[in-house]
Protein backbone atom coordinates (compact mmCIF):
# COMPACT_ATOMS: atom_id res chain seq x y z
CA UNK A 1 -44.28 8.94 16.71
CA UNK A 2 -41.59 6.72 18.25
CA UNK A 3 -38.26 6.32 16.33
CA UNK A 4 -35.50 3.92 16.98
CA UNK A 5 -32.36 5.26 17.86
CA UNK A 6 -29.95 4.80 14.78
CA UNK A 7 -27.29 2.22 15.83
CA UNK A 8 -23.48 3.20 15.28
CA UNK A 9 -20.97 0.60 13.95
CA UNK A 10 -17.17 1.52 13.83
CA UNK A 11 -15.17 0.72 10.52
CA UNK A 12 -12.00 0.79 12.32
CA UNK A 13 -10.25 0.39 15.48
CA UNK A 14 -11.44 1.36 18.91
CA UNK A 15 -8.19 3.59 19.43
CA UNK A 16 -9.56 6.43 16.88
CA UNK A 17 -13.35 6.33 18.32
CA UNK A 18 -12.30 8.52 21.26
CA UNK A 19 -12.06 11.08 18.71
CA UNK A 20 -15.55 10.47 17.00
CA UNK A 21 -18.24 12.99 17.75
CA UNK A 22 -20.57 15.16 15.33
CA UNK A 23 -19.26 18.22 16.83
CA UNK A 24 -15.86 19.32 18.27
CA UNK A 25 -13.47 22.19 18.52
CA UNK A 26 -12.87 23.95 15.21
CA UNK A 27 -9.23 24.60 16.06
CA UNK A 28 -6.94 23.97 13.08
CA UNK A 29 -5.25 20.44 13.79
CA UNK A 30 -2.67 18.25 12.28
CA UNK A 31 -3.85 16.97 8.99
CA UNK A 32 -2.34 13.49 9.68
CA UNK A 33 -3.92 13.53 13.16
CA UNK A 34 -6.53 10.78 13.81
CA UNK A 35 -10.04 11.93 13.06
CA UNK A 36 -13.33 10.34 12.77
CA UNK A 37 -16.08 11.36 10.44
CA UNK A 38 -19.68 9.80 10.61
CA UNK A 39 -21.79 8.48 7.53
CA UNK A 40 -25.28 7.53 7.24
CA UNK A 41 -26.36 4.14 5.94
CA UNK A 42 -29.11 1.96 5.90
CA UNK A 43 -29.77 -2.24 6.49
CA UNK A 44 -25.76 -2.47 7.46
CA UNK A 45 -26.00 -6.28 7.87
CA UNK A 46 -27.11 -6.84 4.15
CA UNK A 47 -25.88 -3.66 2.24
CA UNK A 48 -22.14 -3.84 2.25
CA UNK A 49 -21.60 -0.67 0.12
CA UNK A 50 -21.09 1.59 3.18
CA UNK A 51 -18.62 -0.67 4.59
CA UNK A 52 -16.59 -1.25 1.51
CA UNK A 53 -16.58 2.81 1.02
CA UNK A 54 -15.22 3.11 4.64
CA UNK A 55 -12.60 0.39 4.67
CA UNK A 56 -11.50 1.43 1.22
CA UNK A 57 -11.06 5.03 2.16
CA UNK A 58 -9.35 3.97 5.52
CA UNK A 59 -6.67 2.13 3.34
CA UNK A 60 -5.58 5.36 1.60
CA UNK A 61 -6.08 7.52 4.44
CA UNK A 62 -5.05 5.53 7.58
CA UNK A 63 -5.47 8.56 9.69
CA UNK A 64 -9.18 8.82 9.05
CA UNK A 65 -12.06 6.60 10.50
CA UNK A 66 -15.43 6.42 8.97
CA UNK A 67 -18.16 5.44 11.68
CA UNK A 68 -21.47 4.12 10.45
CA UNK A 69 -24.60 5.38 11.62
CA UNK A 70 -27.56 3.42 10.65
CA UNK A 71 -31.10 4.72 9.47
CA UNK A 72 -34.15 3.22 8.15
CA UNK A 73 -34.06 1.53 4.54
CA UNK A 74 -37.27 3.00 3.03
CA UNK A 75 -39.13 6.29 2.77
CA UNK A 76 -38.36 6.83 6.57
CA UNK A 77 -34.87 7.49 5.78
CA UNK A 78 -35.21 11.27 4.57
CA UNK A 79 -37.96 11.84 7.27
CA UNK A 80 -35.20 10.67 9.85
CA UNK A 81 -32.43 12.62 8.03
CA UNK A 82 -34.53 15.83 7.74
CA UNK A 83 -35.47 15.52 11.75
CA UNK A 84 -31.73 14.85 12.47
CA UNK A 85 -30.48 17.60 10.52
CA UNK A 86 -32.84 20.31 12.16
CA UNK A 87 -32.01 18.86 15.37
CA UNK A 88 -28.24 19.25 14.88
CA UNK A 89 -27.80 15.32 15.45
CA UNK A 90 -27.18 14.30 11.91
CA UNK A 91 -23.93 12.37 10.83
CA UNK A 92 -21.15 14.38 8.92
CA UNK A 93 -21.55 12.92 5.53
CA UNK A 94 -25.02 11.64 4.42
CA UNK A 95 -26.71 9.92 1.56
CA UNK A 96 -29.30 11.11 -0.79
CA UNK A 97 -30.90 8.17 -2.04
CA UNK A 98 -32.22 9.82 -5.27
CA UNK A 99 -33.16 13.10 -6.62
CA UNK A 100 -36.27 13.35 -5.12
CA UNK A 101 -35.31 15.37 -1.96
CA UNK A 102 -32.10 17.02 -3.15
CA UNK A 103 -33.98 20.47 -3.57
CA UNK A 104 -35.24 20.12 -0.13
CA UNK A 105 -31.68 19.52 1.42
CA UNK A 106 -30.12 22.24 -0.90
CA UNK A 107 -32.40 24.74 -0.61
CA UNK A 108 -32.84 24.34 3.40
CA UNK A 109 -29.08 25.03 3.60
CA UNK A 110 -28.23 21.17 4.64
CA UNK A 111 -25.76 20.89 2.33
CA UNK A 112 -22.04 22.22 2.38
CA UNK A 113 -20.56 23.38 -1.23
CA UNK A 114 -18.36 20.59 -2.17
CA UNK A 115 -17.27 22.39 -5.38
CA UNK A 116 -13.60 22.17 -4.46
CA UNK A 117 -14.04 18.29 -3.77
CA UNK A 118 -15.61 17.46 -6.96
CA UNK A 119 -13.69 19.74 -9.36
CA UNK A 120 -11.96 16.55 -11.08
CA UNK A 121 -15.09 14.61 -11.51
CA UNK A 122 -16.54 16.23 -14.50
CA UNK A 123 -16.60 13.06 -16.37
CA UNK A 124 -19.05 11.69 -13.73
CA UNK A 125 -22.53 12.05 -15.94
CA UNK A 126 -24.79 12.62 -12.82
CA UNK A 127 -22.44 15.45 -11.28
CA UNK A 128 -24.70 17.97 -13.10
CA UNK A 129 -27.82 16.94 -11.05
CA UNK A 130 -26.32 18.31 -7.97
CA UNK A 131 -25.11 21.86 -9.16
CA UNK A 132 -26.96 24.80 -8.61
CA UNK A 133 -25.79 28.30 -9.49
CA UNK A 134 -22.48 27.12 -10.64
CA UNK A 135 -21.76 25.30 -7.11
CA UNK A 136 -21.66 21.70 -6.42
CA UNK A 137 -23.48 20.34 -3.19
CA UNK A 138 -22.98 16.51 -3.64
CA UNK A 139 -20.83 13.74 -5.27
CA UNK A 140 -22.69 10.82 -6.84
CA UNK A 141 -21.11 7.75 -6.11
CA UNK A 142 -23.93 5.20 -7.58
CA UNK A 143 -25.86 5.26 -10.71
CA UNK A 144 -28.10 2.47 -10.75
CA UNK A 145 -30.76 1.71 -13.83
CA UNK A 146 -33.58 -0.56 -14.05
CA UNK A 147 -33.50 -3.71 -15.73
CA UNK A 148 -35.32 -7.15 -16.00
CA UNK A 149 -34.04 -9.70 -14.01
CA UNK A 150 -35.22 -13.35 -15.19
CA UNK A 151 -35.03 -16.88 -13.99
CA UNK A 152 -33.58 -18.97 -16.88
CA UNK A 153 -34.56 -22.01 -15.36
CA UNK A 154 -38.02 -20.81 -14.82
CA UNK A 155 -38.32 -20.00 -18.35
CA UNK A 156 -37.08 -23.39 -19.65
CA UNK A 157 -39.70 -25.36 -17.13
CA UNK A 158 -42.40 -23.18 -18.71
CA UNK A 159 -41.11 -23.77 -22.10
CA UNK A 160 -41.04 -19.87 -22.96
CA UNK A 161 -38.55 -18.32 -24.84
CA UNK A 162 -36.40 -15.98 -22.71
CA UNK A 163 -35.94 -12.33 -23.31
CA UNK A 164 -33.57 -11.52 -26.26
CA UNK A 165 -33.34 -7.78 -26.12
CA UNK A 166 -36.03 -6.96 -28.46
CA UNK A 167 -39.02 -7.04 -26.17
CA UNK A 168 -41.57 -4.11 -25.87
CA UNK A 169 -44.20 -3.88 -22.92
CA UNK A 170 -46.64 -6.02 -25.00
CA UNK A 171 -44.01 -8.72 -25.28
CA UNK A 172 -43.25 -8.54 -21.67
CA UNK A 173 -47.01 -8.90 -20.83
CA UNK A 174 -47.44 -11.92 -23.28
CA UNK A 175 -44.37 -13.48 -22.05
CA UNK A 176 -45.72 -12.96 -18.29
CA UNK A 177 -48.92 -14.64 -19.06
CA UNK A 178 -47.20 -17.64 -20.81
CA UNK A 179 -45.02 -18.20 -18.33
CA UNK A 180 -47.89 -18.34 -15.63
CA UNK A 181 -49.54 -20.78 -18.01
CA UNK A 182 -46.53 -23.03 -18.47
CA UNK A 183 -45.41 -23.14 -15.04
CA UNK A 184 -48.86 -23.97 -13.61
CA UNK A 185 -49.12 -26.81 -16.17
CA UNK A 186 -45.43 -27.91 -15.03
CA UNK A 187 -46.71 -28.10 -11.23
CA UNK A 188 -44.96 -25.03 -10.04
CA UNK A 189 -46.58 -22.19 -8.16
CA UNK A 190 -44.39 -19.40 -9.52
CA UNK A 191 -45.86 -16.37 -11.36
CA UNK A 192 -44.81 -15.02 -14.39
CA UNK A 193 -43.81 -11.96 -12.92
CA UNK A 194 -43.62 -9.98 -9.85
CA UNK A 195 -44.05 -6.18 -9.77
CA UNK A 196 -43.12 -4.57 -6.34
CA UNK A 197 -45.14 -1.92 -4.69
CA UNK A 198 -42.96 0.94 -5.44
CA UNK A 199 -44.51 3.65 -7.36
CA UNK A 200 -41.10 3.45 -9.80
CA UNK A 201 -42.20 0.05 -11.09
CA UNK A 202 -44.95 1.88 -13.40
CA UNK A 203 -44.22 5.52 -13.14
CA UNK A 204 -40.51 5.44 -13.41
CA UNK A 205 -40.62 3.80 -16.96
CA UNK A 206 -43.44 5.77 -18.19
CA UNK A 207 -41.87 8.96 -17.28
CA UNK A 208 -38.69 7.88 -18.99
CA UNK A 209 -39.82 6.01 -22.03
CA UNK A 210 -43.05 7.94 -23.05
CA UNK A 211 -42.31 10.84 -25.73
CA UNK A 212 -42.91 14.18 -24.07
CA UNK A 213 -43.77 12.99 -20.97
CA UNK A 214 -43.24 15.62 -18.28
CA UNK A 215 -43.74 15.19 -14.61
CA UNK A 216 -43.78 19.03 -13.72
CA UNK A 217 -46.39 19.58 -16.29
CA UNK A 218 -48.95 18.05 -14.18
CA UNK A 219 -50.43 16.22 -16.86
CA UNK A 220 -49.97 12.52 -15.92
CA UNK A 221 -52.10 10.94 -19.09
CA UNK A 222 -48.68 9.10 -19.93
CA UNK A 223 -49.40 6.74 -17.12
CA UNK A 224 -52.49 5.21 -18.24
CA UNK A 225 -50.97 2.53 -20.71
CA UNK A 226 -48.43 1.30 -18.11
CA UNK A 227 -51.18 1.11 -15.49
CA UNK A 228 -53.71 -0.79 -17.65
CA UNK A 229 -50.68 -3.45 -18.34
CA UNK A 230 -50.15 -4.04 -14.95
CA UNK A 231 -54.14 -4.46 -14.16
CA UNK A 232 -54.19 -6.76 -16.69
CA UNK A 233 -51.56 -8.77 -15.57
CA UNK A 234 -53.01 -8.63 -11.99
CA UNK A 235 -56.41 -9.80 -13.35
CA UNK A 236 -54.76 -12.65 -15.18
CA UNK A 237 -52.85 -14.07 -12.20
CA UNK A 238 -49.65 -13.54 -13.83
CA UNK A 239 -48.20 -11.65 -11.24
CA UNK A 240 -49.46 -11.10 -7.50
CA UNK A 241 -51.83 -8.18 -6.83
CA UNK A 242 -50.95 -4.92 -5.22
CA UNK A 243 -53.19 -6.03 -2.27
CA UNK A 244 -51.50 -9.34 -2.11
CA UNK A 245 -48.21 -7.94 -2.16
CA UNK A 246 -48.88 -5.26 0.68
CA UNK A 247 -51.20 -7.46 2.91
CA UNK A 248 -48.57 -10.30 2.76
CA UNK A 249 -45.45 -7.82 2.95
CA UNK A 250 -44.03 -9.67 0.08
CA UNK A 251 -40.59 -8.58 -0.84
CA UNK A 252 -38.82 -8.51 -4.21
CA UNK A 253 -35.85 -10.54 -2.67
CA UNK A 254 -38.00 -13.10 -1.72
CA UNK A 255 -40.07 -13.23 -4.73
CA UNK A 256 -37.31 -13.68 -7.27
CA UNK A 257 -34.59 -15.07 -4.96
CA UNK A 258 -36.74 -18.04 -3.76
CA UNK A 259 -38.17 -18.54 -7.30
CA UNK A 260 -41.59 -17.47 -6.83
CA UNK A 261 -41.64 -15.21 -9.88
CA UNK A 262 -39.85 -15.79 -13.35
CA UNK A 263 -39.40 -12.15 -13.90
CA UNK A 264 -38.51 -9.00 -11.79
CA UNK A 265 -38.18 -5.57 -12.76
CA UNK A 266 -35.54 -3.78 -10.49
CA UNK A 267 -32.58 -1.80 -10.17
CA UNK A 268 -29.24 -2.87 -10.73
CA UNK A 269 -28.52 -2.70 -7.02
CA UNK A 270 -30.15 -6.12 -6.72
CA UNK A 271 -27.16 -7.77 -8.23
CA UNK A 272 -25.19 -7.29 -5.19
CA UNK A 273 -28.12 -8.31 -2.93
CA UNK A 274 -28.92 -11.53 -4.84
CA UNK A 275 -25.20 -12.86 -4.67
CA UNK A 276 -25.31 -12.31 -1.04
CA UNK A 277 -28.39 -13.83 -0.44
CA UNK A 278 -27.29 -17.01 -2.49
CA UNK A 279 -24.18 -17.14 -0.14
CA UNK A 280 -26.12 -16.72 3.05
CA UNK A 281 -29.01 -19.48 2.11
CA UNK A 282 -31.70 -16.54 1.78
CA UNK A 283 -31.81 -17.05 -1.97
CA UNK A 284 -32.04 -20.54 -4.09
CA UNK A 285 -29.26 -21.17 -6.57
CA UNK A 286 -30.45 -21.24 -10.23
CA UNK A 287 -29.43 -19.77 -13.73
CA UNK A 288 -30.56 -16.12 -14.10
CA UNK A 289 -29.87 -13.39 -16.51
CA UNK A 290 -30.41 -9.84 -16.76
CA UNK A 291 -32.15 -8.13 -19.89
CA UNK A 292 -32.83 -4.69 -20.97
CA UNK A 293 -36.36 -3.16 -19.59
CA UNK A 294 -39.22 -3.72 -21.89
CA UNK A 295 -39.37 -0.93 -24.71
CA UNK A 296 -42.06 1.75 -25.42
CA UNK A 297 -41.81 0.60 -29.26
CA UNK A 298 -39.61 -1.38 -31.25
CA UNK A 299 -37.01 1.65 -31.96
CA UNK A 300 -35.21 1.15 -28.82
CA UNK A 301 -34.99 -2.48 -29.01
CA UNK A 302 -32.21 -5.03 -30.10
CA UNK A 303 -28.55 -4.79 -29.28
CA UNK A 304 -27.81 -2.50 -32.05
CA UNK A 305 -30.16 -0.11 -30.41
CA UNK A 306 -29.65 1.75 -27.04
CA UNK A 307 -32.50 1.14 -24.83
CA UNK A 308 -34.13 3.63 -22.52
CA UNK A 309 -34.50 3.11 -18.73
CA UNK A 310 -34.49 5.29 -15.42
CA UNK A 311 -32.66 5.49 -12.42
CA UNK A 312 -31.63 8.26 -9.95
CA UNK A 313 -27.85 8.62 -8.87
CA UNK A 314 -27.00 8.13 -5.18
CA UNK A 315 -24.79 10.60 -3.82
CA UNK A 316 -23.16 11.83 -0.81
CA UNK A 317 -23.32 15.58 0.84
CA UNK A 318 -21.77 16.88 3.60
CA UNK A 319 -23.57 18.15 6.73
CA UNK A 320 -22.89 22.25 7.01
CA UNK A 321 -22.57 21.65 10.98
CA UNK A 322 -19.69 19.49 10.68
CA UNK A 323 -16.53 20.86 12.75
CA UNK A 324 -14.31 22.53 10.47
CA UNK A 325 -11.46 20.13 11.78
CA UNK A 326 -13.02 17.23 10.12
CA UNK A 327 -14.25 19.17 6.90
CA UNK A 328 -10.97 18.33 4.78
CA UNK A 329 -11.42 14.56 5.65
CA UNK A 330 -15.20 14.48 4.75
CA UNK A 331 -14.36 16.64 1.38
CA UNK A 332 -11.60 13.84 0.69
CA UNK A 333 -13.88 11.06 1.47
CA UNK A 334 -16.65 12.28 -1.23
CA UNK A 335 -13.69 12.65 -3.60
CA UNK A 336 -12.84 8.88 -3.22
CA UNK A 337 -16.35 7.66 -3.07
CA UNK A 338 -16.91 9.22 -6.53
CA UNK A 339 -13.62 8.37 -8.05
CA UNK A 340 -12.48 5.32 -9.98
CA UNK A 341 -10.82 3.29 -7.17
CA UNK A 342 -14.16 3.38 -5.21
CA UNK A 343 -15.89 2.47 -8.44
CA UNK A 344 -13.84 -0.61 -8.85
CA UNK A 345 -14.60 -1.57 -5.15
CA UNK A 346 -18.20 -1.17 -5.54
CA UNK A 347 -18.30 -3.00 -8.70
CA UNK A 348 -16.54 -5.85 -6.92
CA UNK A 349 -19.58 -6.39 -4.70
CA UNK A 350 -22.02 -6.04 -7.17
CA UNK A 351 -22.90 -2.36 -6.62
CA UNK A 352 -22.94 -0.07 -9.77
CA UNK A 353 -20.89 3.22 -9.43
CA UNK A 354 -21.70 6.46 -10.82
CA UNK A 355 -19.34 5.82 -13.85
CA UNK A 356 -19.32 2.52 -15.67
CA UNK A 357 -16.30 1.82 -17.46
CA UNK A 358 -15.03 -1.19 -19.24
CA UNK A 359 -13.09 -2.04 -16.27
CA UNK A 360 -16.07 -1.58 -13.67
CA UNK A 361 -18.16 -3.85 -16.25
CA UNK A 362 -15.27 -6.46 -16.36
CA UNK A 363 -15.37 -6.32 -12.12
CA UNK A 364 -18.62 -7.02 -11.78
CA UNK A 365 -19.11 -9.45 -14.34
CA UNK A 366 -15.91 -11.28 -12.77
CA UNK A 367 -17.70 -12.10 -9.74
CA UNK A 368 -18.96 -15.58 -8.97
CA UNK A 369 -22.65 -16.10 -9.72
CA UNK A 370 -22.92 -13.30 -11.93
CA UNK A 371 -24.15 -14.46 -15.27
CA UNK A 372 -21.59 -14.34 -18.30
CA UNK A 373 -23.97 -14.29 -21.27
CA UNK A 374 -23.79 -11.41 -23.92
CA UNK A 375 -27.17 -9.88 -23.38
CA UNK A 376 -26.52 -9.63 -19.58
CA UNK A 377 -23.64 -7.54 -20.10
CA UNK A 378 -25.26 -5.49 -22.76
CA UNK A 379 -28.16 -5.04 -20.39
CA UNK A 380 -25.93 -3.86 -17.55
CA UNK A 381 -23.65 -1.47 -19.58
CA UNK A 382 -25.79 -0.12 -22.55
CA UNK A 383 -28.92 1.98 -21.91
CA UNK A 384 -30.01 5.78 -21.85
CA UNK A 385 -30.88 6.42 -18.45
CA UNK A 386 -33.33 9.05 -17.54
CA UNK A 387 -34.06 10.35 -13.93
CA UNK A 388 -36.87 9.51 -11.96
CA UNK A 389 -36.82 12.87 -10.20
CA UNK A 390 -36.44 15.96 -12.06
CA UNK A 391 -34.70 18.56 -9.66
CA UNK A 392 -37.53 21.16 -8.86
CA UNK A 393 -39.18 22.55 -5.82
CA UNK A 394 -42.47 20.87 -6.83
CA UNK A 395 -40.86 17.36 -7.40
CA UNK A 396 -41.19 16.09 -3.83
CA UNK A 397 -44.94 17.07 -3.55
CA UNK A 398 -45.81 15.57 -6.78
CA UNK A 399 -44.17 12.36 -6.31
CA UNK A 400 -45.89 11.90 -3.01
CA UNK A 401 -49.25 12.76 -4.48
CA UNK A 402 -48.62 10.30 -7.23
CA UNK A 403 -47.52 7.55 -4.80
CA UNK A 404 -51.17 7.67 -3.30
CA UNK A 405 -52.15 7.71 -7.07
CA UNK A 406 -50.27 4.47 -7.36
CA UNK A 407 -51.67 2.77 -4.92
CA UNK A 408 -55.25 3.61 -5.67
CA UNK A 409 -55.04 2.54 -8.98
CA UNK A 410 -53.49 -0.98 -8.35
CA UNK A 411 -56.13 -1.46 -5.69
CA UNK A 412 -58.44 -1.20 -8.57
CA UNK A 413 -60.75 1.15 -6.65
CA UNK A 414 -62.11 3.77 -9.14
CA UNK A 415 -60.36 3.21 -12.44
CA UNK A 416 -57.54 4.30 -14.09
CA UNK A 417 -58.95 7.79 -15.61
CA UNK A 418 -60.79 8.78 -12.65
CA UNK A 419 -57.62 8.48 -10.43
CA UNK A 420 -55.29 9.95 -12.97
CA UNK A 421 -57.91 12.78 -13.59
CA UNK A 422 -57.81 13.48 -9.85
CA UNK A 423 -54.19 13.40 -9.54
CA UNK A 424 -54.04 16.09 -11.89
CA UNK A 425 -56.48 18.20 -10.08
CA UNK A 426 -54.70 17.69 -7.13
CA UNK A 427 -51.32 18.58 -8.76
CA UNK A 428 -52.67 21.96 -10.14
CA UNK A 429 -54.02 22.98 -6.58
CA UNK A 430 -51.80 21.44 -4.06
CA UNK A 431 -48.57 21.72 -5.68
CA UNK A 432 -47.80 23.59 -8.82
CA UNK A 433 -49.73 26.50 -8.06
CA UNK A 434 -48.66 26.97 -4.23
C-alpha cells in the first residue's frame, strides 16, 4: 500500500534546523544549546493547534525548535504512526488522538515514561487515563466534548424554537423533522440535521448516556434505540443518509459551515475550525450557537443539571527512541503543552485544553465570532464527560468491529437487531475470548 511521505514544516528559524534529526548522539550537551525536537501533527494548513504549541514553547524556551511532521488526519494516522514507530522513523513527540490505541502504544513499549514531567499536573482530569502501574506515559493537552451546534438563522427561517438545554433525544428528533418541513416550506434545501459518518455520532452517546452500558462486556443492546432514531431521521429526509454522505464524500464542516444543515452534533474542536473557515470564506457568516447534546432522559437536562456527553482526551507521548540529548526538551514540551499557559493559548484559537478553567472559557468566548449567549457558555463549560474508549487491550478490536456494524446498520441492510446480534457474536469469538 502506497503512503505519502510526511511533510516537514519548520516552526522556527533555519539556523536551528541543521541540528534537527530523529537520532543523533547521546552525549550530554549544554542545556542551553540549540536543539530541535520533532512533533507529529495533521492537517497543518487548517489545524493551528500544533503551530500554536510550537510557537508558544519557543517563546519560553528560545533554544528549542519544535519541527512539525505531517501525518494523515483520519484513521490512517494511527496506522502510519505505528508503522513509523516500528521502523524507527517516527518523530520525537507524537499525538494520541484518543484513548482507543493507548494500550497498543504503551504495551508495545512505544512510549517513554514521563512521570517526572507530569508530576505537577495532577489537577488535569484526564491524566489518570495514561497511568499504568504507577507510571505516566503521556500528557493530555486537549479534552474535547461533544455538543450540539445549531444555526440560529435556519431555526428562525423554519419557525422552530431553538435548543434551550432541556432536550432529550426525542426532542432532538422532533426538532430535526420540524426543521426539515419548515425549511422546505421556506424554499431552503437545508436539512434539519447532519449526522456525520463517524461511529462516534451514535455509539459515543449511547455508551456515555445509557445506564450500565459497558463496551467491554460485549453486550451492545444499548446501541439499539440510538440507531433506530438515526434510521428514522434518514427515512424522514431530516438528515442525509449514511450512503449519501459516504458516496458524495460530505464533510461536516461544509454541511454546517455552508448552511446545508441546521444542526450538527460534533466535538468542541469544531469551534476553531468554524472560526477559521469563516475567515477564509470556506464557511458562511451566520448566527450560530452551542447547546448541550440531547440527553438520555430529563434527569440530566436543564441548566440546573449537569448534562452527560462523551469525549476522549488528546495527549502527547515521547518516542522511546528519542536521542537522550533531546529527552529533557521533549519532556519540557509535554509539561508546557498540558499546562495553563498553553491552555490559554489553545483557547485563544478555539481549542479546548485538557483543563477548562474560568480563564480558559473567558479566552475562548472572547474570540470574534464565538456566540455570547448563556446557553453556549453553559454547554461549553458544564458537563460530565465519559470516555468513548475505555483503556483495555480489547478496546481497539471492539471499536474496529463496531465500526463495521455502524456502517452495516446505517446502510439499512439487515436491520438493527440482526447486526447487533452479529456484532455480539463476533466480539465474543474474535476479541474477548482471544
